[in-house]
C-alpha atoms as a PDB file:
ATOM      1  CA  MET A   1     155.908-256.575 -35.086  1.00  0.00           C
ATOM      2  CA  SER A   2     158.579-258.347 -35.757  1.00  0.00           C
ATOM      3  CA  TRP A   3     162.680-258.787 -35.498  1.00  0.00           C
ATOM      4  CA  ARG A   4     165.755-260.461 -36.418  1.00  0.00           C
ATOM      5  CA  VAL A   5     169.422-260.343 -35.078  1.00  0.00           C
ATOM      6  CA  ALA A   6     172.297-259.241 -37.274  1.00  0.00           C
ATOM      7  CA  ARG A   7     175.954-259.620 -36.092  1.00  0.00           C
ATOM      8  CA  TYR A   8     178.141-257.298 -37.518  1.00  0.00           C
ATOM      9  CA  SER A   9     182.183-255.960 -37.548  1.00  0.00           C
ATOM     10  CA  ALA A  10     182.318-252.451 -38.022  1.00  0.00           C
ATOM     11  CA  PRO A  11     180.195-249.834 -35.176  1.00  0.00           C
ATOM     12  CA  THR A  12     179.663-248.043 -37.997  1.00  0.00           C
ATOM     13  CA  ALA A  13     178.234-250.683 -40.117  1.00  0.00           C
ATOM     14  CA  ASP A  14     174.581-250.172 -42.366  1.00  0.00           C
ATOM     15  CA  LEU A  15     172.132-252.647 -40.568  1.00  0.00           C
ATOM     16  CA  ILE A  16     169.201-251.639 -42.891  1.00  0.00           C
ATOM     17  CA  LEU A  17     168.393-250.637 -46.618  1.00  0.00           C
ATOM     18  CA  SER A  18     167.475-247.336 -47.198  1.00  0.00           C
ATOM     19  CA  ASP A  19     165.130-246.849 -49.618  1.00  0.00           C
ATOM     20  CA  LEU A  20     167.447-245.328 -52.034  1.00  0.00           C
ATOM     21  CA  ASP A  21     169.835-248.168 -51.681  1.00  0.00           C
ATOM     22  CA  LYS A  22     167.152-250.718 -52.197  1.00  0.00           C
ATOM     23  CA  LEU A  23     166.271-248.375 -55.612  1.00  0.00           C
ATOM     24  CA  GLN A  24     169.751-248.684 -56.577  1.00  0.00           C
ATOM     25  CA  GLY A  25     169.852-252.568 -55.640  1.00  0.00           C
ATOM     26  CA  LYS A  26     172.411-252.818 -53.072  1.00  0.00           C
ATOM     27  CA  ALA A  27     172.758-255.328 -50.783  1.00  0.00           C
ATOM     28  CA  LEU A  28     173.466-255.655 -47.157  1.00  0.00           C
ATOM     29  CA  GLU A  29     177.059-256.701 -46.478  1.00  0.00           C
ATOM     30  CA  LEU A  30     176.727-258.097 -42.558  1.00  0.00           C
ATOM     31  CA  ASP A  31     178.937-260.705 -40.964  1.00  0.00           C
ATOM     32  CA  PRO A  32     178.002-263.537 -39.118  1.00  0.00           C
ATOM     33  CA  GLU A  33     180.395-263.963 -36.991  1.00  0.00           C
ATOM     34  CA  GLY A  34     180.769-259.916 -36.086  1.00  0.00           C
ATOM     35  CA  LYS A  35     181.921-258.566 -32.707  1.00  0.00           C
ATOM     36  CA  TYR A  36     178.477-257.057 -32.170  1.00  0.00           C
ATOM     37  CA  LYS A  37     174.860-258.014 -31.950  1.00  0.00           C
ATOM     38  CA  ALA A  38     172.142-255.811 -33.310  1.00  0.00           C
ATOM     39  CA  LEU A  39     168.296-256.667 -32.725  1.00  0.00           C
ATOM     40  CA  ILE A  40     166.281-254.467 -35.792  1.00  0.00           C
ATOM     41  CA  LEU A  41     162.922-254.455 -34.901  1.00  0.00           C
ATOM     42  CA  VAL A  42     159.981-253.951 -37.785  1.00  0.00           C
ATOM     43  CA  MET A  43     156.902-252.138 -36.143  1.00  0.00           C
ATOM     44  CA  ASP A  44     153.856-251.282 -38.448  1.00  0.00           C
ATOM     45  CA  LEU A  45     152.013-248.386 -35.898  1.00  0.00           C
ATOM     46  CA  PRO A  46     148.808-246.251 -36.380  1.00  0.00           C
ATOM     47  CA  ALA A  47     149.163-242.714 -36.872  1.00  0.00           C
ATOM     48  CA  SER A  48     150.027-240.721 -33.638  1.00  0.00           C
ATOM     49  CA  CYS A  49     151.805-244.197 -32.245  1.00  0.00           C
ATOM     50  CA  TYR A  50     155.618-243.293 -31.898  1.00  0.00           C
ATOM     51  CA  ALA A  51     158.150-246.158 -31.677  1.00  0.00           C
ATOM     52  CA  THR A  52     160.455-244.399 -29.137  1.00  0.00           C
ATOM     53  CA  MET A  53     157.269-244.928 -26.549  1.00  0.00           C
ATOM     54  CA  ALA A  54     156.896-248.645 -27.775  1.00  0.00           C
ATOM     55  CA  LEU A  55     160.236-249.360 -26.856  1.00  0.00           C
ATOM     56  CA  ARG A  56     160.126-247.334 -23.913  1.00  0.00           C
ATOM     57  CA  GLU A  57     157.184-249.705 -23.017  1.00  0.00           C
ATOM     58  CA  LEU A  58     158.870-253.379 -23.963  1.00  0.00           C
ATOM     59  CA  LEU A  59     162.494-252.505 -22.715  1.00  0.00           C
ATOM     60  CA  ARG A  60     161.744-250.448 -19.704  1.00  0.00           C
ATOM     61  CA  VAL A  61     164.668-248.064 -20.168  1.00  0.00           C
ATOM     62  CA  ASP A  62     165.450-244.433 -20.680  1.00  0.00           C
ATOM     63  CA  THR A  63     164.934-243.552 -23.808  1.00  0.00           C
ATOM     64  CA  SER A  64     166.262-240.097 -23.387  1.00  0.00           C
ATOM     65  CA  GLY A  65     168.788-238.214 -26.048  1.00  0.00           C
ATOM     66  CA  ASP A  66     171.043-237.873 -23.418  1.00  0.00           C
ATOM     67  CA  HIS A  67     171.032-241.461 -22.250  1.00  0.00           C
ATOM     68  CA  GLN A  68     171.123-242.917 -25.769  1.00  0.00           C
ATOM     69  CA  ALA A  69     173.990-240.713 -26.229  1.00  0.00           C
ATOM     70  CA  SER A  70     175.769-242.315 -23.566  1.00  0.00           C
ATOM     71  CA  GLN A  71     175.406-245.344 -25.356  1.00  0.00           C
ATOM     72  CA  ASN A  72     177.305-244.723 -28.523  1.00  0.00           C
ATOM     73  CA  ASP A  73     180.795-245.121 -27.283  1.00  0.00           C
ATOM     74  CA  TYR A  74     180.361-248.678 -26.337  1.00  0.00           C
ATOM     75  CA  HIS A  75     182.741-249.651 -29.258  1.00  0.00           C
ATOM     76  CA  LYS A  76     185.507-247.550 -27.803  1.00  0.00           C
ATOM     77  CA  THR A  77     188.549-248.564 -25.710  1.00  0.00           C
ATOM     78  CA  ALA A  78     189.052-246.703 -22.247  1.00  0.00           C
ATOM     79  CA  GLU A  79     191.930-244.860 -23.404  1.00  0.00           C
ATOM     80  CA  GLU A  80     189.700-243.675 -26.218  1.00  0.00           C
ATOM     81  CA  LYS A  81     187.192-242.623 -24.343  1.00  0.00           C
ATOM     82  CA  GLY A  82     189.578-241.059 -21.856  1.00  0.00           C
ATOM     83  CA  GLN A  83     190.926-238.924 -24.939  1.00  0.00           C
ATOM     84  CA  SER A  84     187.368-237.730 -25.986  1.00  0.00           C
ATOM     85  CA  GLU A  85     185.893-236.783 -22.218  1.00  0.00           C
ATOM     86  CA  ALA A  86     189.439-234.737 -21.835  1.00  0.00           C
ATOM     87  CA  LYS A  87     188.728-233.342 -25.094  1.00  0.00           C
ATOM     88  CA  ASN A  88     185.349-232.303 -23.982  1.00  0.00           C
ATOM     89  CA  GLU A  89     186.722-230.910 -20.613  1.00  0.00           C
ATOM     90  CA  THR A  90     188.810-228.704 -22.625  1.00  0.00           C
ATOM     91  CA  GLU A  91     186.043-227.448 -25.046  1.00  0.00           C
ATOM     92  CA  ASP A  92     183.636-226.769 -22.008  1.00  0.00           C
ATOM     93  CA  LYS A  93     186.378-224.814 -20.429  1.00  0.00           C
ATOM     94  CA  GLY A  94     187.021-222.683 -23.455  1.00  0.00           C
ATOM     95  CA  GLU A  95     183.326-222.036 -23.712  1.00  0.00           C
ATOM     96  CA  LYS A  96     182.853-221.202 -20.370  1.00  0.00           C
ATOM     97  CA  ARG A  97     185.683-218.783 -20.393  1.00  0.00           C
ATOM     98  CA  LYS A  98     184.361-217.410 -23.493  1.00  0.00           C
ATOM     99  CA  MET A  99     180.964-216.769 -21.516  1.00  0.00           C
ATOM    100  CA  GLU A 100     182.719-215.078 -18.759  1.00  0.00           C
ATOM    101  CA  GLU A 101     184.415-212.697 -21.303  1.00  0.00           C
ATOM    102  CA  GLU A 102     181.203-212.048 -23.100  1.00  0.00           C
ATOM    103  CA  ILE A 103     179.236-211.200 -19.561  1.00  0.00           C
ATOM    104  CA  ASP A 104     182.479-208.981 -18.251  1.00  0.00           C
ATOM    105  CA  GLY A 105     182.297-207.003 -21.626  1.00  0.00           C
ATOM    106  CA  ASP A 106     178.593-206.427 -21.341  1.00  0.00           C
ATOM    107  CA  ALA A 107     178.865-205.546 -17.627  1.00  0.00           C
ATOM    108  CA  LYS A 108     181.769-202.904 -18.779  1.00  0.00           C
ATOM    109  CA  LYS A 109     179.491-201.640 -21.173  1.00  0.00           C
ATOM    110  CA  ALA A 110     176.820-200.889 -19.286  1.00  0.00           C
ATOM    111  CA  LYS A 111     179.379-199.048 -16.608  1.00  0.00           C
ATOM    112  CA  VAL A 112     180.244-196.955 -19.661  1.00  0.00           C
ATOM    113  CA  ASN A 113     176.555-195.984 -20.596  1.00  0.00           C
ATOM    114  CA  GLU A 114     175.629-194.857 -16.777  1.00  0.00           C
END
């Protein structure tokens, strides 16, 4: 296993090159004075070994999808996070209302068929 630290400015910046990028001769554009810091790990694992399991053992942190998704907003301001949460709550209420309407409709159909 090898590792390196990279600094970058944009939260969506590419930190490694894809195979296509390498074939096209592209170079990474990292910012040594960037606001963000990343640890890039390179692993050569044998068959049936998974990097997520290795990371879980090394870092002793939750690597579940839900936990990792909660880490994605680190670059947003508190105001942006609040707007995002409000939008999600509105969407959740709409989905709940739609589901309730479908259940009510199914119940009415069942009564009519009886």
